[in-house]
Amino acid sequence: MSKQLTGECLCGSVKFSVVDSFKAFYQCHCKQCQKLTGSAFASNLFTAPGNIEWICGQVNITNYKHPSREFSKAFCKECGSAVPFMNKNRTSLIVPAGSLNEYLGIQPQANIFISEEACWLKSGLQAESFSGFSD
């Protein structure tokens, strides 16, 4: 039996739950995902369209839909955190992996659009590591 996972935005205005039954887990390195996340890639889980229960805060969600490409993003109006959204053709619910509160039963399956990978990603992964913020 799949377990129930909870998720939320950073400020806690938007909360949801999903069943841990994901079809795919991709890390997308395209330039658009870099812009949308402000990071090297987006980590997204794909699941059935109905696999979500909104606990609170749906009124705090806004969407961005690119006018000519097949991508979009939903986020909290208060804190800007990415939250789950339906893909444009409404065949999958896309859940930002970082929005979940518990560990997943699935690991990333693919890194996609690596031809557009951030030039600093590999050197960043080799940089010195600290357990917290370092001055």
N, C-alpha and C. Protein backbone atom coordinates (compact mmCIF):
# COMPACT_ATOMS: atom_id res chain seq x y z
N MET A 1 0.85 -1.18 0.00
CA MET A 1 0.00 0.00 0.00
C MET A 1 0.89 1.24 0.00
N SER A 2 0.59 2.19 -0.88
CA SER A 2 1.35 3.43 -0.96
C SER A 2 1.00 4.33 0.21
N LYS A 3 2.01 5.06 0.66
CA LYS A 3 1.75 5.94 1.80
C LYS A 3 1.34 7.33 1.36
N GLN A 4 0.68 8.03 2.24
CA GLN A 4 0.23 9.40 2.02
C GLN A 4 1.39 10.33 2.37
N LEU A 5 1.67 11.29 1.49
CA LEU A 5 2.72 12.28 1.73
C LEU A 5 2.06 13.65 1.84
N THR A 6 2.64 14.49 2.68
CA THR A 6 2.15 15.86 2.78
C THR A 6 3.18 16.81 2.18
N GLY A 7 2.70 17.96 1.80
CA GLY A 7 3.58 18.98 1.25
C GLY A 7 3.01 20.35 1.53
N GLU A 8 3.88 21.33 1.35
CA GLU A 8 3.44 22.71 1.58
C GLU A 8 4.44 23.69 0.99
N CYS A 9 4.01 24.94 0.91
CA CYS A 9 4.91 26.00 0.49
C CYS A 9 5.76 26.42 1.70
N LEU A 10 6.70 27.29 1.47
CA LEU A 10 7.61 27.72 2.54
C LEU A 10 6.88 28.42 3.69
N CYS A 11 5.91 29.27 3.37
CA CYS A 11 5.21 30.01 4.44
C CYS A 11 4.07 29.23 5.07
N GLY A 12 3.71 28.08 4.49
CA GLY A 12 2.65 27.25 5.05
C GLY A 12 1.25 27.65 4.64
N SER A 13 1.12 28.64 3.75
CA SER A 13 -0.21 29.06 3.29
C SER A 13 -0.89 28.01 2.44
N VAL A 14 -0.10 27.27 1.66
CA VAL A 14 -0.63 26.23 0.78
C VAL A 14 -0.18 24.87 1.31
N LYS A 15 -1.15 24.00 1.56
CA LYS A 15 -0.84 22.65 2.05
C LYS A 15 -1.64 21.63 1.25
N PHE A 16 -1.04 20.46 1.05
CA PHE A 16 -1.67 19.42 0.24
C PHE A 16 -1.17 18.06 0.68
N SER A 17 -1.84 17.01 0.19
CA SER A 17 -1.35 15.65 0.38
C SER A 17 -1.50 14.90 -0.94
N VAL A 18 -0.60 13.95 -1.15
CA VAL A 18 -0.61 13.10 -2.34
C VAL A 18 -0.25 11.68 -1.90
N VAL A 19 -0.68 10.71 -2.68
CA VAL A 19 -0.28 9.32 -2.44
C VAL A 19 1.06 9.12 -3.13
N ASP A 20 1.97 8.43 -2.47
CA ASP A 20 3.31 8.16 -3.00
C ASP A 20 3.22 7.10 -4.10
N SER A 21 2.65 7.51 -5.23
CA SER A 21 2.52 6.61 -6.38
C SER A 21 2.88 7.39 -7.65
N PHE A 22 4.14 7.74 -7.74
CA PHE A 22 4.62 8.56 -8.84
C PHE A 22 5.03 7.71 -10.04
N LYS A 23 4.69 8.20 -11.25
CA LYS A 23 5.04 7.53 -12.51
C LYS A 23 6.48 7.82 -12.89
N ALA A 24 6.97 9.01 -12.56
CA ALA A 24 8.31 9.41 -12.99
C ALA A 24 8.84 10.49 -12.06
N PHE A 25 10.18 10.59 -12.01
CA PHE A 25 10.88 11.61 -11.24
C PHE A 25 12.04 12.08 -12.11
N TYR A 26 11.89 13.29 -12.65
CA TYR A 26 12.89 13.84 -13.55
C TYR A 26 13.54 15.09 -12.96
N GLN A 27 14.80 15.24 -13.26
CA GLN A 27 15.52 16.48 -12.96
C GLN A 27 15.78 17.15 -14.31
N CYS A 28 15.11 18.27 -14.54
CA CYS A 28 15.17 18.95 -15.82
C CYS A 28 16.19 20.08 -15.77
N HIS A 29 17.14 20.04 -16.69
CA HIS A 29 18.24 21.00 -16.73
C HIS A 29 18.04 22.07 -17.82
N CYS A 30 16.85 22.16 -18.41
CA CYS A 30 16.64 23.13 -19.48
C CYS A 30 16.76 24.56 -18.96
N LYS A 31 17.02 25.48 -19.85
CA LYS A 31 17.19 26.89 -19.48
C LYS A 31 15.92 27.45 -18.84
N GLN A 32 14.75 27.00 -19.30
CA GLN A 32 13.50 27.50 -18.72
C GLN A 32 13.36 27.06 -17.26
N CYS A 33 13.69 25.81 -16.96
CA CYS A 33 13.62 25.34 -15.57
C CYS A 33 14.66 26.03 -14.70
N GLN A 34 15.81 26.36 -15.26
CA GLN A 34 16.80 27.12 -14.51
C GLN A 34 16.23 28.48 -14.14
N LYS A 35 15.56 29.13 -15.09
CA LYS A 35 14.95 30.45 -14.81
C LYS A 35 13.80 30.32 -13.81
N LEU A 36 12.96 29.29 -13.98
CA LEU A 36 11.81 29.12 -13.09
C LEU A 36 12.22 28.85 -11.64
N THR A 37 13.34 28.10 -11.46
CA THR A 37 13.75 27.73 -10.11
C THR A 37 14.84 28.62 -9.54
N GLY A 38 15.57 29.32 -10.42
CA GLY A 38 16.73 30.08 -9.95
C GLY A 38 17.88 29.18 -9.55
N SER A 39 17.85 27.94 -10.04
CA SER A 39 18.85 26.94 -9.68
C SER A 39 19.30 26.19 -10.93
N ALA A 40 20.07 25.14 -10.73
CA ALA A 40 20.64 24.39 -11.86
C ALA A 40 19.61 23.51 -12.56
N PHE A 41 18.57 23.07 -11.86
CA PHE A 41 17.58 22.20 -12.47
C PHE A 41 16.32 22.17 -11.60
N ALA A 42 15.24 21.69 -12.19
CA ALA A 42 13.98 21.48 -11.48
C ALA A 42 13.83 19.98 -11.22
N SER A 43 13.42 19.62 -10.02
CA SER A 43 13.18 18.22 -9.64
C SER A 43 11.67 18.03 -9.51
N ASN A 44 11.09 17.34 -10.49
CA ASN A 44 9.64 17.19 -10.55
C ASN A 44 9.20 15.74 -10.59
N LEU A 45 8.14 15.46 -9.87
CA LEU A 45 7.51 14.15 -9.83
C LEU A 45 6.23 14.20 -10.65
N PHE A 46 5.96 13.11 -11.37
CA PHE A 46 4.77 13.04 -12.21
C PHE A 46 3.86 11.96 -11.66
N THR A 47 2.57 12.29 -11.53
CA THR A 47 1.59 11.36 -10.99
C THR A 47 0.25 11.56 -11.69
N ALA A 48 -0.72 10.75 -11.32
CA ALA A 48 -2.06 10.85 -11.90
C ALA A 48 -2.69 12.20 -11.58
N PRO A 49 -3.48 12.76 -12.51
CA PRO A 49 -4.07 14.08 -12.30
C PRO A 49 -4.89 14.22 -11.02
N GLY A 50 -5.56 13.17 -10.60
CA GLY A 50 -6.40 13.26 -9.40
C GLY A 50 -5.69 12.96 -8.10
N ASN A 51 -4.40 12.72 -8.15
CA ASN A 51 -3.65 12.33 -6.94
C ASN A 51 -3.25 13.54 -6.10
N ILE A 52 -4.24 14.29 -5.64
CA ILE A 52 -3.94 15.40 -4.74
C ILE A 52 -5.17 15.74 -3.93
N GLU A 53 -4.93 16.08 -2.69
CA GLU A 53 -5.97 16.64 -1.83
C GLU A 53 -5.43 17.95 -1.31
N TRP A 54 -6.09 19.03 -1.66
CA TRP A 54 -5.68 20.34 -1.17
C TRP A 54 -6.19 20.51 0.26
N ILE A 55 -5.31 20.71 1.19
CA ILE A 55 -5.68 20.86 2.59
C ILE A 55 -6.09 22.30 2.87
N CYS A 56 -5.29 23.24 2.36
CA CYS A 56 -5.63 24.65 2.49
C CYS A 56 -4.80 25.48 1.51
N GLY A 57 -5.30 26.67 1.25
CA GLY A 57 -4.52 27.65 0.52
C GLY A 57 -4.63 27.67 -0.98
N GLN A 58 -5.57 26.96 -1.59
CA GLN A 58 -5.67 27.00 -3.04
C GLN A 58 -5.87 28.42 -3.55
N VAL A 59 -6.50 29.27 -2.77
CA VAL A 59 -6.71 30.67 -3.19
C VAL A 59 -5.39 31.44 -3.23
N ASN A 60 -4.35 30.91 -2.60
CA ASN A 60 -3.04 31.57 -2.59
C ASN A 60 -2.14 31.10 -3.73
N ILE A 61 -2.67 30.29 -4.63
CA ILE A 61 -1.86 29.77 -5.74
C ILE A 61 -2.09 30.61 -6.99
N THR A 62 -1.01 30.93 -7.66
CA THR A 62 -1.09 31.58 -8.97
C THR A 62 -0.28 30.75 -9.95
N ASN A 63 -0.53 30.95 -11.22
CA ASN A 63 0.11 30.15 -12.26
C ASN A 63 0.80 31.02 -13.29
N TYR A 64 1.87 30.48 -13.83
CA TYR A 64 2.53 31.08 -14.98
C TYR A 64 2.50 30.03 -16.08
N LYS A 65 1.98 30.39 -17.24
CA LYS A 65 1.96 29.49 -18.39
C LYS A 65 2.71 30.18 -19.52
N HIS A 66 3.77 29.54 -19.97
CA HIS A 66 4.55 30.11 -21.08
C HIS A 66 3.66 30.18 -22.31
N PRO A 67 3.67 31.31 -23.02
CA PRO A 67 2.74 31.46 -24.15
C PRO A 67 3.01 30.55 -25.35
N SER A 68 4.25 30.14 -25.56
CA SER A 68 4.53 29.35 -26.76
C SER A 68 5.19 27.99 -26.49
N ARG A 69 5.49 27.69 -25.26
CA ARG A 69 6.14 26.41 -24.93
C ARG A 69 5.21 25.58 -24.05
N GLU A 70 5.53 24.31 -23.90
CA GLU A 70 4.69 23.39 -23.12
C GLU A 70 5.11 23.31 -21.66
N PHE A 71 5.36 24.43 -21.01
CA PHE A 71 5.65 24.35 -19.59
C PHE A 71 4.95 25.47 -18.85
N SER A 72 4.79 25.24 -17.56
CA SER A 72 4.14 26.21 -16.70
C SER A 72 4.66 26.00 -15.28
N LYS A 73 4.19 26.84 -14.38
CA LYS A 73 4.58 26.73 -12.98
C LYS A 73 3.46 27.29 -12.12
N ALA A 74 3.20 26.63 -11.01
CA ALA A 74 2.26 27.14 -10.02
C ALA A 74 3.07 27.48 -8.78
N PHE A 75 2.68 28.56 -8.12
CA PHE A 75 3.43 28.96 -6.93
C PHE A 75 2.55 29.74 -5.97
N CYS A 76 2.98 29.76 -4.72
CA CYS A 76 2.28 30.48 -3.66
C CYS A 76 2.46 31.98 -3.88
N LYS A 77 1.36 32.73 -3.84
CA LYS A 77 1.40 34.18 -4.00
C LYS A 77 2.13 34.86 -2.85
N GLU A 78 2.13 34.23 -1.68
CA GLU A 78 2.75 34.83 -0.50
C GLU A 78 4.27 34.68 -0.48
N CYS A 79 4.77 33.47 -0.72
CA CYS A 79 6.21 33.23 -0.57
C CYS A 79 6.92 32.85 -1.86
N GLY A 80 6.18 32.57 -2.93
CA GLY A 80 6.79 32.23 -4.21
C GLY A 80 7.19 30.77 -4.37
N SER A 81 6.96 29.94 -3.37
CA SER A 81 7.34 28.52 -3.45
C SER A 81 6.54 27.79 -4.53
N ALA A 82 7.23 26.90 -5.24
CA ALA A 82 6.57 26.06 -6.24
C ALA A 82 5.64 25.07 -5.55
N VAL A 83 4.46 24.88 -6.13
CA VAL A 83 3.47 23.93 -5.62
C VAL A 83 2.97 23.08 -6.80
N PRO A 84 2.27 21.98 -6.52
CA PRO A 84 1.81 21.10 -7.59
C PRO A 84 0.91 21.81 -8.61
N PHE A 85 0.97 21.30 -9.85
CA PHE A 85 0.14 21.85 -10.92
C PHE A 85 -0.09 20.78 -11.99
N MET A 86 -1.12 21.00 -12.79
CA MET A 86 -1.42 20.11 -13.91
C MET A 86 -0.61 20.55 -15.11
N ASN A 87 -0.10 19.56 -15.88
CA ASN A 87 0.57 19.92 -17.12
C ASN A 87 -0.47 20.49 -18.09
N LYS A 88 0.01 21.13 -19.16
CA LYS A 88 -0.90 21.83 -20.06
C LYS A 88 -1.97 20.93 -20.68
N ASN A 89 -1.63 19.68 -21.01
CA ASN A 89 -2.63 18.80 -21.60
C ASN A 89 -3.41 18.00 -20.56
N ARG A 90 -3.19 18.31 -19.30
CA ARG A 90 -3.95 17.77 -18.16
C ARG A 90 -3.88 16.25 -18.03
N THR A 91 -2.73 15.68 -18.40
CA THR A 91 -2.54 14.23 -18.30
C THR A 91 -1.74 13.84 -17.07
N SER A 92 -1.07 14.80 -16.44
CA SER A 92 -0.25 14.52 -15.25
C SER A 92 -0.30 15.68 -14.27
N LEU A 93 -0.27 15.31 -13.00
CA LEU A 93 -0.05 16.28 -11.93
C LEU A 93 1.46 16.31 -11.72
N ILE A 94 2.03 17.49 -11.73
CA ILE A 94 3.47 17.64 -11.53
C ILE A 94 3.68 18.20 -10.13
N VAL A 95 4.44 17.46 -9.33
CA VAL A 95 4.69 17.83 -7.94
C VAL A 95 6.17 18.19 -7.79
N PRO A 96 6.48 19.45 -7.43
CA PRO A 96 7.88 19.79 -7.17
C PRO A 96 8.38 18.97 -5.99
N ALA A 97 9.45 18.22 -6.20
CA ALA A 97 9.94 17.30 -5.16
C ALA A 97 10.26 18.03 -3.86
N GLY A 98 10.78 19.23 -3.95
CA GLY A 98 11.14 19.98 -2.75
C GLY A 98 9.96 20.48 -1.94
N SER A 99 8.76 20.37 -2.48
CA SER A 99 7.57 20.83 -1.74
C SER A 99 7.05 19.77 -0.78
N LEU A 100 7.57 18.54 -0.88
CA LEU A 100 7.08 17.46 -0.02
C LEU A 100 7.80 17.45 1.33
N ASN A 101 7.09 17.01 2.35
CA ASN A 101 7.64 16.99 3.72
C ASN A 101 8.29 15.66 4.10
N GLU A 102 7.96 14.58 3.41
CA GLU A 102 8.48 13.26 3.76
C GLU A 102 9.38 12.72 2.65
N TYR A 103 10.10 11.65 2.99
CA TYR A 103 10.93 10.96 2.01
C TYR A 103 10.05 10.23 1.01
N LEU A 104 10.52 10.14 -0.21
CA LEU A 104 9.79 9.52 -1.30
C LEU A 104 10.16 8.05 -1.46
N GLY A 105 9.28 7.30 -2.09
CA GLY A 105 9.56 5.92 -2.41
C GLY A 105 10.20 5.77 -3.78
N ILE A 106 10.55 6.87 -4.42
CA ILE A 106 11.14 6.86 -5.75
C ILE A 106 12.36 7.78 -5.76
N GLN A 107 13.35 7.40 -6.55
CA GLN A 107 14.55 8.23 -6.72
C GLN A 107 14.50 8.84 -8.13
N PRO A 108 15.26 9.91 -8.37
CA PRO A 108 15.27 10.47 -9.72
C PRO A 108 15.63 9.40 -10.75
N GLN A 109 14.88 9.38 -11.84
CA GLN A 109 15.07 8.37 -12.88
C GLN A 109 15.87 8.89 -14.06
N ALA A 110 15.85 10.19 -14.25
CA ALA A 110 16.56 10.74 -15.41
C ALA A 110 16.88 12.21 -15.20
N ASN A 111 17.99 12.61 -15.77
CA ASN A 111 18.34 14.02 -15.90
C ASN A 111 18.06 14.36 -17.36
N ILE A 112 17.13 15.28 -17.59
CA ILE A 112 16.74 15.60 -18.96
C ILE A 112 17.24 16.99 -19.36
N PHE A 113 17.39 17.20 -20.64
CA PHE A 113 17.90 18.44 -21.23
C PHE A 113 19.29 18.78 -20.70
N ILE A 114 20.13 17.77 -20.55
CA ILE A 114 21.48 18.02 -20.02
C ILE A 114 22.34 18.80 -21.00
N SER A 115 21.93 18.90 -22.25
CA SER A 115 22.67 19.72 -23.21
C SER A 115 22.62 21.20 -22.81
N GLU A 116 21.66 21.55 -21.93
CA GLU A 116 21.51 22.93 -21.46
C GLU A 116 21.97 23.08 -20.00
N GLU A 117 22.64 22.06 -19.48
CA GLU A 117 23.09 22.05 -18.08
C GLU A 117 23.85 23.33 -17.72
N ALA A 118 23.61 23.85 -16.53
CA ALA A 118 24.31 25.05 -16.04
C ALA A 118 25.82 24.80 -16.04
N CYS A 119 26.58 25.74 -16.56
CA CYS A 119 28.02 25.56 -16.69
C CYS A 119 28.72 25.43 -15.33
N TRP A 120 28.08 25.83 -14.27
CA TRP A 120 28.68 25.79 -12.94
C TRP A 120 28.22 24.61 -12.09
N LEU A 121 27.33 23.77 -12.62
CA LEU A 121 26.79 22.66 -11.82
C LEU A 121 27.86 21.68 -11.34
N LYS A 122 28.65 21.14 -12.24
CA LYS A 122 29.63 20.12 -11.85
C LYS A 122 30.68 20.67 -10.88
N SER A 123 31.18 21.88 -11.13
CA SER A 123 32.16 22.45 -10.21
C SER A 123 31.51 22.77 -8.86
N GLY A 124 30.23 23.13 -8.88
CA GLY A 124 29.52 23.39 -7.63
C GLY A 124 29.36 22.14 -6.78
N LEU A 125 29.14 21.00 -7.44
CA LEU A 125 29.02 19.75 -6.70
C LEU A 125 30.34 19.31 -6.08
N GLN A 126 31.45 19.80 -6.63
CA GLN A 126 32.79 19.47 -6.11
C GLN A 126 33.28 20.49 -5.07
N ALA A 127 32.53 21.57 -4.89
CA ALA A 127 32.94 22.62 -3.93
C ALA A 127 32.89 22.10 -2.49
N GLU A 128 33.59 22.78 -1.62
CA GLU A 128 33.62 22.42 -0.19
C GLU A 128 32.19 22.41 0.35
N SER A 129 31.89 21.49 1.25
CA SER A 129 30.57 21.33 1.83
C SER A 129 30.57 21.67 3.32
N PHE A 130 29.46 22.26 3.76
CA PHE A 130 29.26 22.62 5.17
C PHE A 130 27.86 22.15 5.59
N SER A 131 27.66 21.84 6.84
CA SER A 131 26.36 21.38 7.30
C SER A 131 25.35 22.51 7.45
N GLY A 132 25.80 23.75 7.43
CA GLY A 132 24.92 24.91 7.52
C GLY A 132 25.55 26.09 6.84
N PHE A 133 24.97 27.26 7.04
CA PHE A 133 25.49 28.48 6.42
C PHE A 133 26.87 28.79 6.98
N SER A 134 27.79 29.15 6.10
CA SER A 134 29.15 29.48 6.52
C SER A 134 29.49 30.89 6.06
N ASP A 135 30.06 31.69 6.94
CA ASP A 135 30.44 33.06 6.57
C ASP A 135 31.69 33.07 5.73
